N, C-alpha and C. Protein backbone atom coordinates (compact mmCIF):
# COMPACT_ATOMS: atom_id res chain seq x y z
N UNK A 1 43.32 -19.24 9.44
CA UNK A 1 42.26 -18.52 8.60
C UNK A 1 41.64 -17.51 9.30
N UNK A 2 41.75 -16.26 9.05
CA UNK A 2 41.12 -15.17 9.87
C UNK A 2 39.74 -14.79 9.08
N UNK A 3 38.99 -14.02 9.87
CA UNK A 3 37.76 -13.55 9.29
C UNK A 3 37.90 -12.60 8.31
N UNK A 4 38.87 -11.86 8.38
CA UNK A 4 39.12 -10.76 7.36
C UNK A 4 39.46 -11.19 6.01
N UNK A 5 40.17 -12.37 6.04
CA UNK A 5 40.68 -12.94 4.79
C UNK A 5 39.45 -13.63 4.03
N UNK A 6 38.56 -14.22 4.74
CA UNK A 6 37.52 -14.99 4.17
C UNK A 6 36.30 -14.02 3.67
N UNK A 7 36.09 -12.88 4.32
CA UNK A 7 35.16 -11.93 4.03
C UNK A 7 35.79 -10.61 3.38
N UNK A 8 35.97 -10.62 2.12
CA UNK A 8 36.65 -9.50 1.50
C UNK A 8 35.61 -8.34 1.27
N UNK A 9 34.29 -8.57 1.36
CA UNK A 9 33.50 -7.46 1.09
C UNK A 9 32.88 -6.78 2.51
N UNK A 10 33.51 -7.16 3.52
CA UNK A 10 33.22 -6.64 4.78
C UNK A 10 34.51 -5.59 5.22
N UNK A 11 34.26 -4.48 5.58
CA UNK A 11 35.42 -3.54 5.89
C UNK A 11 36.06 -4.08 7.15
N UNK A 12 37.35 -3.79 7.29
CA UNK A 12 38.24 -4.24 8.27
C UNK A 12 37.89 -3.63 9.69
N UNK A 13 37.32 -2.26 9.71
CA UNK A 13 36.89 -1.67 10.78
C UNK A 13 35.57 -2.29 11.54
N UNK A 14 34.65 -2.57 10.59
CA UNK A 14 33.49 -3.15 11.08
C UNK A 14 33.70 -4.50 11.74
N UNK A 15 34.64 -5.36 11.21
CA UNK A 15 34.98 -6.68 11.68
C UNK A 15 35.56 -6.42 13.04
N UNK A 16 36.47 -5.38 13.33
CA UNK A 16 37.19 -5.16 14.69
C UNK A 16 36.01 -4.79 15.58
N UNK A 17 35.01 -3.99 15.19
CA UNK A 17 33.95 -3.47 16.08
C UNK A 17 33.14 -4.62 16.58
N UNK A 18 32.85 -5.55 15.55
CA UNK A 18 31.98 -6.75 15.83
C UNK A 18 32.76 -7.82 16.73
N UNK A 19 34.09 -7.84 16.59
CA UNK A 19 34.74 -8.59 17.53
C UNK A 19 34.88 -8.17 18.96
N UNK A 20 34.97 -6.79 19.03
CA UNK A 20 34.93 -6.14 20.33
C UNK A 20 33.72 -6.32 21.12
N UNK A 21 32.50 -6.10 20.36
CA UNK A 21 31.22 -6.17 20.94
C UNK A 21 31.01 -7.57 21.36
N UNK A 22 31.27 -8.56 20.61
CA UNK A 22 31.11 -10.06 20.94
C UNK A 22 31.88 -10.31 22.14
N UNK A 23 33.09 -9.80 22.18
CA UNK A 23 33.81 -10.12 23.30
C UNK A 23 33.21 -9.49 24.61
N UNK A 24 32.70 -8.30 24.52
CA UNK A 24 32.21 -7.63 25.60
C UNK A 24 30.85 -8.40 25.97
N UNK A 25 30.26 -8.82 25.15
CA UNK A 25 28.94 -9.54 25.44
C UNK A 25 29.16 -10.86 26.23
N UNK A 26 30.24 -11.58 25.65
CA UNK A 26 30.75 -12.76 26.36
C UNK A 26 31.13 -12.48 27.69
N UNK A 27 31.84 -11.60 27.91
CA UNK A 27 32.42 -11.18 29.16
C UNK A 27 31.34 -10.86 30.15
N UNK A 28 30.48 -10.03 29.75
CA UNK A 28 29.10 -9.67 30.50
C UNK A 28 28.43 -10.84 30.91
N UNK A 29 28.30 -11.82 30.04
CA UNK A 29 27.38 -13.01 30.38
C UNK A 29 28.19 -13.80 31.43
N UNK A 30 29.52 -14.10 31.27
CA UNK A 30 30.32 -14.81 32.12
C UNK A 30 30.33 -14.23 33.45
N UNK A 31 30.39 -12.91 33.59
CA UNK A 31 30.36 -12.10 34.80
C UNK A 31 28.97 -12.38 35.53
N UNK A 32 28.00 -12.43 34.82
CA UNK A 32 26.48 -12.49 35.33
C UNK A 32 26.52 -13.96 35.87
N UNK A 33 27.00 -14.96 35.19
CA UNK A 33 26.95 -16.33 35.74
C UNK A 33 27.67 -16.59 36.87
N UNK A 34 28.95 -15.91 36.94
CA UNK A 34 29.91 -16.10 37.97
C UNK A 34 29.14 -15.56 39.19
N UNK A 35 28.35 -14.46 39.12
CA UNK A 35 27.61 -13.89 40.23
C UNK A 35 26.47 -14.86 40.72
N UNK A 36 25.85 -15.61 39.93
CA UNK A 36 25.00 -16.60 40.22
C UNK A 36 25.37 -17.86 40.91
N UNK A 37 26.60 -18.21 40.81
CA UNK A 37 27.17 -19.57 41.30
C UNK A 37 26.97 -19.54 42.94
N UNK A 38 26.57 -20.57 43.36
CA UNK A 38 26.68 -20.70 45.00
C UNK A 38 25.50 -19.94 45.46
N UNK A 39 24.59 -19.55 44.75
CA UNK A 39 23.39 -18.77 45.38
C UNK A 39 22.25 -19.76 45.35
N UNK A 40 21.36 -19.52 46.27
CA UNK A 40 20.02 -20.30 46.32
C UNK A 40 19.09 -19.69 45.42
N UNK A 41 17.92 -20.30 45.12
CA UNK A 41 17.03 -19.94 44.03
C UNK A 41 16.48 -18.48 44.28
N UNK A 42 16.18 -18.24 45.57
CA UNK A 42 15.70 -16.92 45.94
C UNK A 42 16.55 -15.87 45.77
N UNK A 43 17.90 -16.02 45.88
CA UNK A 43 18.75 -15.07 45.64
C UNK A 43 18.89 -14.68 44.17
N UNK A 44 18.70 -15.77 43.26
CA UNK A 44 18.94 -15.69 41.93
C UNK A 44 17.74 -14.95 41.45
N UNK A 45 16.44 -15.27 41.84
CA UNK A 45 15.30 -14.50 41.51
C UNK A 45 15.40 -12.97 41.89
N UNK A 46 16.16 -12.80 42.96
CA UNK A 46 16.36 -11.41 43.47
C UNK A 46 17.25 -10.62 42.49
N UNK A 47 18.31 -11.28 41.87
CA UNK A 47 19.32 -10.73 41.21
C UNK A 47 18.66 -10.57 39.71
N UNK A 48 17.59 -11.40 39.24
CA UNK A 48 17.01 -11.20 37.97
C UNK A 48 16.10 -10.02 38.06
N UNK A 49 15.40 -9.83 39.23
CA UNK A 49 14.35 -8.76 39.37
C UNK A 49 15.00 -7.51 39.51
N UNK A 50 16.34 -7.43 39.95
CA UNK A 50 17.12 -6.06 40.05
C UNK A 50 17.26 -5.55 38.64
N UNK A 51 17.11 -6.41 37.61
CA UNK A 51 17.35 -5.92 36.13
C UNK A 51 16.40 -4.87 35.64
N UNK A 52 15.13 -4.81 36.44
CA UNK A 52 14.26 -3.80 36.13
C UNK A 52 13.31 -4.23 35.10
N UNK A 53 13.18 -5.47 34.89
CA UNK A 53 12.29 -6.09 34.01
C UNK A 53 10.86 -5.96 34.53
N UNK A 54 10.81 -6.37 35.68
CA UNK A 54 9.48 -6.29 36.56
C UNK A 54 8.88 -4.74 36.57
N UNK A 55 9.83 -3.99 36.94
CA UNK A 55 9.34 -2.65 37.10
C UNK A 55 8.93 -2.04 35.90
N UNK A 56 9.69 -2.22 34.73
CA UNK A 56 9.26 -1.82 33.33
C UNK A 56 7.99 -2.48 33.07
N UNK A 57 7.75 -3.55 33.37
CA UNK A 57 6.41 -4.38 33.00
C UNK A 57 5.18 -3.63 33.66
N UNK A 58 5.40 -3.43 34.94
CA UNK A 58 4.40 -2.71 35.78
C UNK A 58 4.11 -1.21 35.26
N UNK A 59 5.26 -0.50 34.90
CA UNK A 59 4.98 0.78 34.40
C UNK A 59 4.32 0.78 33.13
N UNK A 60 4.59 -0.25 32.17
CA UNK A 60 3.87 -0.28 31.04
C UNK A 60 2.50 -0.55 31.14
N UNK A 61 2.16 -1.33 32.08
CA UNK A 61 0.75 -1.88 32.39
C UNK A 61 0.06 -0.67 32.84
N UNK A 62 0.67 0.17 33.68
CA UNK A 62 -0.06 1.33 34.39
C UNK A 62 -0.22 2.45 33.37
N UNK A 63 0.79 2.61 32.35
CA UNK A 63 0.59 3.41 31.31
C UNK A 63 -0.45 3.04 30.24
N UNK A 64 -0.58 1.95 30.12
CA UNK A 64 -1.57 1.38 29.12
C UNK A 64 -3.01 1.57 29.64
N UNK A 65 -3.06 1.37 30.92
CA UNK A 65 -4.45 1.58 31.65
C UNK A 65 -4.76 3.10 31.64
N UNK A 66 -3.86 3.77 31.87
CA UNK A 66 -4.09 5.36 31.75
C UNK A 66 -4.59 5.82 30.56
N UNK A 67 -3.94 5.21 29.49
CA UNK A 67 -4.15 5.63 28.17
C UNK A 67 -5.64 5.16 27.70
N UNK A 68 -5.96 3.94 28.10
CA UNK A 68 -7.25 3.23 27.80
C UNK A 68 -8.30 4.11 28.63
N UNK A 69 -8.15 4.41 29.93
CA UNK A 69 -9.16 5.24 30.47
C UNK A 69 -9.20 6.59 29.99
N UNK A 70 -8.16 7.31 29.52
CA UNK A 70 -8.17 8.54 29.06
C UNK A 70 -8.85 8.73 27.70
N UNK A 71 -8.72 7.68 26.68
CA UNK A 71 -9.41 7.63 25.55
C UNK A 71 -10.86 7.08 25.61
N UNK A 72 -11.22 6.55 26.80
CA UNK A 72 -12.49 6.04 26.99
C UNK A 72 -13.43 7.10 27.62
N UNK A 73 -12.85 7.90 28.70
CA UNK A 73 -13.64 8.72 29.37
C UNK A 73 -13.55 10.07 28.84
N UNK A 74 -12.42 10.51 28.18
CA UNK A 74 -12.11 11.78 27.49
C UNK A 74 -13.32 12.15 26.58
N UNK A 75 -13.41 11.31 25.57
CA UNK A 75 -14.50 11.74 24.53
C UNK A 75 -15.97 11.99 25.21
N UNK A 76 -16.15 10.98 26.13
CA UNK A 76 -17.50 11.14 26.88
C UNK A 76 -17.73 12.37 27.50
N UNK A 77 -16.63 12.94 28.22
CA UNK A 77 -16.67 14.21 28.95
C UNK A 77 -16.78 15.39 27.96
N UNK A 78 -15.91 15.37 26.93
CA UNK A 78 -15.97 16.39 25.91
C UNK A 78 -17.25 16.54 25.31
N UNK A 79 -18.06 15.32 24.90
CA UNK A 79 -19.26 15.33 24.28
C UNK A 79 -20.44 15.83 25.27
N UNK A 80 -20.18 15.46 26.57
CA UNK A 80 -20.97 16.08 27.61
C UNK A 80 -20.66 17.52 27.81
N UNK A 81 -19.60 18.07 27.76
CA UNK A 81 -19.45 19.53 27.95
C UNK A 81 -19.85 20.28 26.84
N UNK A 82 -19.44 19.76 25.56
CA UNK A 82 -19.87 20.40 24.35
C UNK A 82 -20.77 19.65 23.46
N UNK A 83 -21.98 19.66 23.74
CA UNK A 83 -22.86 18.78 22.93
C UNK A 83 -22.89 19.25 21.44
N UNK A 84 -23.12 18.26 20.68
CA UNK A 84 -23.14 18.58 19.30
C UNK A 84 -24.49 19.45 18.86
N UNK A 85 -24.33 20.19 17.92
CA UNK A 85 -25.47 21.04 17.58
C UNK A 85 -26.27 20.47 16.47
N UNK A 86 -27.40 20.51 16.45
CA UNK A 86 -28.37 19.99 15.37
C UNK A 86 -28.12 20.77 14.09
N UNK A 87 -27.83 20.01 12.91
CA UNK A 87 -27.70 20.69 11.89
C UNK A 87 -29.16 21.13 11.21
N UNK A 88 -29.27 22.16 10.53
CA UNK A 88 -30.58 22.56 9.85
C UNK A 88 -30.84 21.71 8.74
N UNK A 89 -32.10 21.31 8.81
CA UNK A 89 -32.57 20.38 7.78
C UNK A 89 -32.73 21.25 6.34
N UNK A 90 -32.32 20.61 5.26
CA UNK A 90 -32.47 21.41 4.03
C UNK A 90 -34.01 21.72 3.65
N UNK A 91 -34.15 22.81 2.96
CA UNK A 91 -35.42 23.08 2.70
C UNK A 91 -36.09 22.09 1.68
N UNK A 92 -37.36 21.68 1.91
CA UNK A 92 -37.94 20.45 1.09
C UNK A 92 -38.21 21.12 -0.37
N UNK A 93 -37.99 20.33 -1.46
CA UNK A 93 -38.22 20.71 -2.62
C UNK A 93 -39.80 20.59 -2.94
N UNK A 94 -40.39 21.61 -3.70
CA UNK A 94 -41.68 21.44 -4.04
C UNK A 94 -42.03 20.20 -4.65
N UNK A 95 -43.15 19.53 -4.18
CA UNK A 95 -43.62 18.16 -4.82
C UNK A 95 -44.31 18.30 -6.15
N UNK A 96 -44.77 19.59 -6.40
CA UNK A 96 -45.37 19.79 -7.72
C UNK A 96 -44.49 19.77 -8.96
N UNK A 97 -43.36 20.20 -8.83
CA UNK A 97 -42.36 20.18 -9.90
C UNK A 97 -41.81 18.86 -10.37
N UNK A 98 -41.58 18.11 -9.34
CA UNK A 98 -40.83 16.74 -9.68
C UNK A 98 -41.69 15.66 -9.02
N UNK A 99 -42.01 14.72 -9.82
CA UNK A 99 -43.03 13.58 -9.24
C UNK A 99 -42.11 12.73 -8.39
N UNK A 100 -42.92 12.39 -7.25
CA UNK A 100 -42.23 11.42 -6.35
C UNK A 100 -42.20 9.95 -6.92
N UNK A 101 -41.23 9.06 -6.48
CA UNK A 101 -41.26 7.64 -7.05
C UNK A 101 -42.50 7.00 -7.03
N UNK A 102 -43.50 7.22 -5.90
CA UNK A 102 -44.83 6.70 -5.87
C UNK A 102 -45.65 7.06 -7.01
N UNK A 103 -45.58 8.44 -7.20
CA UNK A 103 -46.43 9.02 -8.26
C UNK A 103 -46.01 8.60 -9.54
N UNK A 104 -44.70 8.54 -9.72
CA UNK A 104 -44.18 8.07 -11.08
C UNK A 104 -44.55 6.46 -11.45
N UNK A 105 -44.62 5.92 -10.35
CA UNK A 105 -44.81 4.49 -10.54
C UNK A 105 -46.43 4.25 -10.74
N UNK A 106 -47.33 5.10 -10.23
CA UNK A 106 -48.68 5.13 -10.58
C UNK A 106 -48.98 5.67 -11.91
N UNK A 107 -48.22 6.56 -12.46
CA UNK A 107 -48.57 7.00 -13.86
C UNK A 107 -47.40 6.76 -14.84
N UNK A 108 -47.28 5.43 -15.45
CA UNK A 108 -46.27 5.20 -16.27
C UNK A 108 -46.21 5.97 -17.62
N UNK A 109 -47.35 6.64 -17.86
CA UNK A 109 -47.38 7.28 -19.21
C UNK A 109 -46.81 8.86 -19.02
N UNK A 110 -46.27 9.19 -17.94
CA UNK A 110 -45.74 10.47 -17.68
C UNK A 110 -44.57 10.81 -18.46
N UNK A 111 -43.81 9.84 -18.90
CA UNK A 111 -42.75 10.20 -19.78
C UNK A 111 -41.62 9.37 -19.46
N UNK A 112 -40.53 9.32 -20.20
CA UNK A 112 -39.39 8.43 -19.99
C UNK A 112 -38.53 8.82 -18.99
N UNK A 113 -38.52 10.14 -18.57
CA UNK A 113 -37.74 10.69 -17.45
C UNK A 113 -38.33 10.49 -16.07
N UNK A 114 -39.29 9.98 -15.90
CA UNK A 114 -40.03 9.80 -14.60
C UNK A 114 -39.91 8.18 -14.17
N UNK A 115 -38.92 7.56 -14.69
CA UNK A 115 -38.75 6.12 -14.37
C UNK A 115 -38.46 5.89 -12.80
N UNK A 116 -39.10 5.18 -12.31
CA UNK A 116 -38.83 4.95 -10.72
C UNK A 116 -37.43 4.39 -10.47
N UNK A 117 -36.92 3.73 -11.59
CA UNK A 117 -35.53 2.91 -11.37
C UNK A 117 -34.46 3.94 -11.37
N UNK A 118 -34.63 5.12 -11.91
CA UNK A 118 -33.56 6.27 -11.83
C UNK A 118 -34.03 7.31 -10.97
N UNK A 119 -33.50 7.43 -9.91
CA UNK A 119 -33.95 8.48 -8.85
C UNK A 119 -33.64 9.82 -9.30
N UNK A 120 -34.62 10.68 -9.20
CA UNK A 120 -34.16 12.05 -9.59
C UNK A 120 -33.16 12.68 -8.70
N UNK A 121 -32.50 13.77 -8.99
CA UNK A 121 -31.43 14.28 -8.40
C UNK A 121 -32.00 15.19 -7.23
N UNK A 122 -33.27 15.57 -7.40
CA UNK A 122 -33.82 16.40 -6.31
C UNK A 122 -34.45 15.47 -5.10
N UNK A 123 -34.71 14.24 -5.31
CA UNK A 123 -35.30 13.53 -4.40
C UNK A 123 -34.51 13.34 -3.19
N UNK A 124 -35.01 13.02 -1.99
CA UNK A 124 -34.33 12.87 -0.74
C UNK A 124 -33.54 11.39 -0.78
N UNK A 125 -32.42 11.38 -0.07
CA UNK A 125 -31.77 10.03 -0.02
C UNK A 125 -32.66 8.89 0.75
N UNK A 126 -33.40 9.47 1.75
CA UNK A 126 -34.40 8.47 2.41
C UNK A 126 -35.39 7.91 1.39
N UNK A 127 -35.97 8.63 0.58
CA UNK A 127 -36.85 8.11 -0.41
C UNK A 127 -36.07 7.17 -1.41
N UNK A 128 -34.87 7.52 -1.77
CA UNK A 128 -34.00 6.52 -2.61
C UNK A 128 -33.80 5.23 -1.85
N UNK A 129 -33.48 5.31 -0.52
CA UNK A 129 -33.24 4.21 0.13
C UNK A 129 -34.51 3.31 0.29
N UNK A 130 -35.74 3.90 0.38
CA UNK A 130 -36.84 3.04 0.61
C UNK A 130 -37.09 2.34 -0.78
N UNK A 131 -36.92 3.24 -1.86
CA UNK A 131 -37.13 2.65 -3.29
C UNK A 131 -36.22 1.49 -3.45
N UNK A 132 -34.99 1.60 -3.13
CA UNK A 132 -34.04 0.48 -3.37
C UNK A 132 -34.46 -0.68 -2.46
N UNK A 133 -34.83 -0.56 -1.18
CA UNK A 133 -35.23 -1.63 -0.33
C UNK A 133 -36.50 -2.20 -0.95
N UNK A 134 -37.49 -1.43 -1.58
CA UNK A 134 -38.54 -2.08 -2.03
C UNK A 134 -38.27 -2.90 -3.18
N UNK A 135 -37.43 -2.42 -3.98
CA UNK A 135 -37.10 -3.10 -5.35
C UNK A 135 -36.29 -4.46 -4.96
N UNK A 136 -35.50 -4.33 -3.84
CA UNK A 136 -34.80 -5.67 -3.49
C UNK A 136 -35.61 -6.63 -2.79
N UNK A 137 -36.89 -6.21 -2.37
CA UNK A 137 -37.75 -7.10 -1.67
C UNK A 137 -37.54 -7.27 -0.22
N UNK A 138 -36.73 -6.34 0.39
CA UNK A 138 -36.34 -6.39 1.78
C UNK A 138 -37.39 -6.20 2.75
N UNK A 139 -38.55 -5.46 2.21
CA UNK A 139 -39.64 -5.21 3.20
C UNK A 139 -40.62 -6.20 3.14
N UNK A 140 -40.55 -7.32 2.38
CA UNK A 140 -41.43 -8.30 2.26
C UNK A 140 -41.27 -9.39 3.32
N UNK A 141 -42.55 -9.98 3.89
CA UNK A 141 -42.31 -11.03 4.71
C UNK A 141 -42.98 -12.27 4.08
N UNK A 142 -42.38 -13.48 4.39
CA UNK A 142 -42.95 -14.72 3.77
C UNK A 142 -43.59 -15.54 5.03
N UNK A 143 -44.57 -16.24 4.74
CA UNK A 143 -45.16 -17.21 5.69
C UNK A 143 -44.50 -18.51 5.53
N UNK A 144 -43.96 -18.94 6.73
CA UNK A 144 -43.38 -20.39 6.79
C UNK A 144 -44.28 -21.19 7.58
N UNK A 145 -44.17 -22.55 7.28
CA UNK A 145 -44.80 -23.59 7.87
C UNK A 145 -44.52 -23.89 9.39
N UNK A 146 -45.30 -23.85 10.34
CA UNK A 146 -44.77 -23.83 11.74
C UNK A 146 -44.33 -25.31 12.02
N UNK A 147 -44.63 -26.24 11.22
CA UNK A 147 -44.14 -27.60 11.50
C UNK A 147 -42.63 -28.00 10.92
N UNK A 148 -42.14 -26.98 10.01
CA UNK A 148 -40.80 -27.27 9.46
C UNK A 148 -39.85 -26.51 10.03
N UNK A 149 -38.77 -26.96 10.51
CA UNK A 149 -37.75 -26.22 11.14
C UNK A 149 -36.63 -26.03 9.91
N UNK A 150 -36.46 -24.76 9.52
CA UNK A 150 -35.49 -24.46 8.48
C UNK A 150 -34.04 -25.00 8.78
N UNK A 151 -33.79 -24.95 10.10
CA UNK A 151 -32.36 -25.38 10.55
C UNK A 151 -32.07 -26.82 10.65
N UNK A 152 -33.12 -27.65 10.53
CA UNK A 152 -33.00 -29.14 10.33
C UNK A 152 -32.91 -29.50 8.93
N UNK A 153 -32.05 -29.11 8.04
CA UNK A 153 -31.73 -29.63 6.83
C UNK A 153 -31.02 -30.88 6.62
N UNK A 154 -31.33 -31.77 6.06
CA UNK A 154 -30.59 -32.97 6.05
C UNK A 154 -29.42 -32.85 5.17
N UNK A 155 -29.34 -31.81 4.30
CA UNK A 155 -28.27 -31.55 3.27
C UNK A 155 -27.00 -30.87 3.94
N UNK A 156 -27.17 -30.35 5.16
CA UNK A 156 -26.19 -29.60 5.68
C UNK A 156 -25.40 -30.37 6.80
N UNK A 157 -25.55 -31.75 6.86
CA UNK A 157 -24.87 -32.47 7.91
C UNK A 157 -23.36 -32.65 7.50
N UNK A 158 -22.59 -31.87 8.10
CA UNK A 158 -20.91 -32.03 7.75
C UNK A 158 -20.32 -33.18 8.39
N UNK A 159 -21.02 -33.70 9.48
CA UNK A 159 -20.30 -34.77 10.24
C UNK A 159 -20.96 -36.29 9.80
N UNK A 160 -21.78 -36.25 8.67
CA UNK A 160 -22.56 -37.61 8.45
C UNK A 160 -21.44 -38.70 7.94
N UNK A 161 -20.28 -38.03 7.44
CA UNK A 161 -19.35 -39.20 6.96
C UNK A 161 -18.58 -39.72 8.12
N UNK A 162 -18.39 -39.12 9.08
CA UNK A 162 -17.61 -39.56 10.22
C UNK A 162 -18.30 -40.55 11.07
N UNK A 163 -19.67 -40.38 11.18
CA UNK A 163 -20.43 -41.22 12.11
C UNK A 163 -21.24 -42.37 11.43
N UNK A 164 -21.33 -42.19 10.01
CA UNK A 164 -22.05 -43.28 9.23
C UNK A 164 -21.27 -44.37 8.67
N UNK A 165 -20.22 -44.73 9.31
CA UNK A 165 -19.23 -45.78 8.63
C UNK A 165 -19.67 -47.15 9.22
């Protein structure tokens, strides 16, 4: 039974090429093993290192180190040579035309459009950020008892079942 009769979907030329390549690979392997017979381990290691694997590994390591140094030192030197220029700040908007969030909170009868929850389009991003942080309560501090350690919770003992048997 031949390979070509069992595999009808594989072209005959591809099977011939595969057989030739497999035969070449087997013959190369047999030749390599014949060359290793009768040699001591030092000679075998020498034959393996002649394959260029060690040289390729050293070259790849050196290349990688060069790339790392280049992309680490390069941007530093470029930034030092050509410092970034400071962008001009946008002109501040007049405070009398639009109420600030603090003024809107102080006078709730000013109107429905001056709600501090809806930031105006003319207010600065920094003012919006502080307003959001204040609403979330991120700027608040809480007093804790100095006698209680919050990390010593009895409910968080994950290993209690292992040791309490």
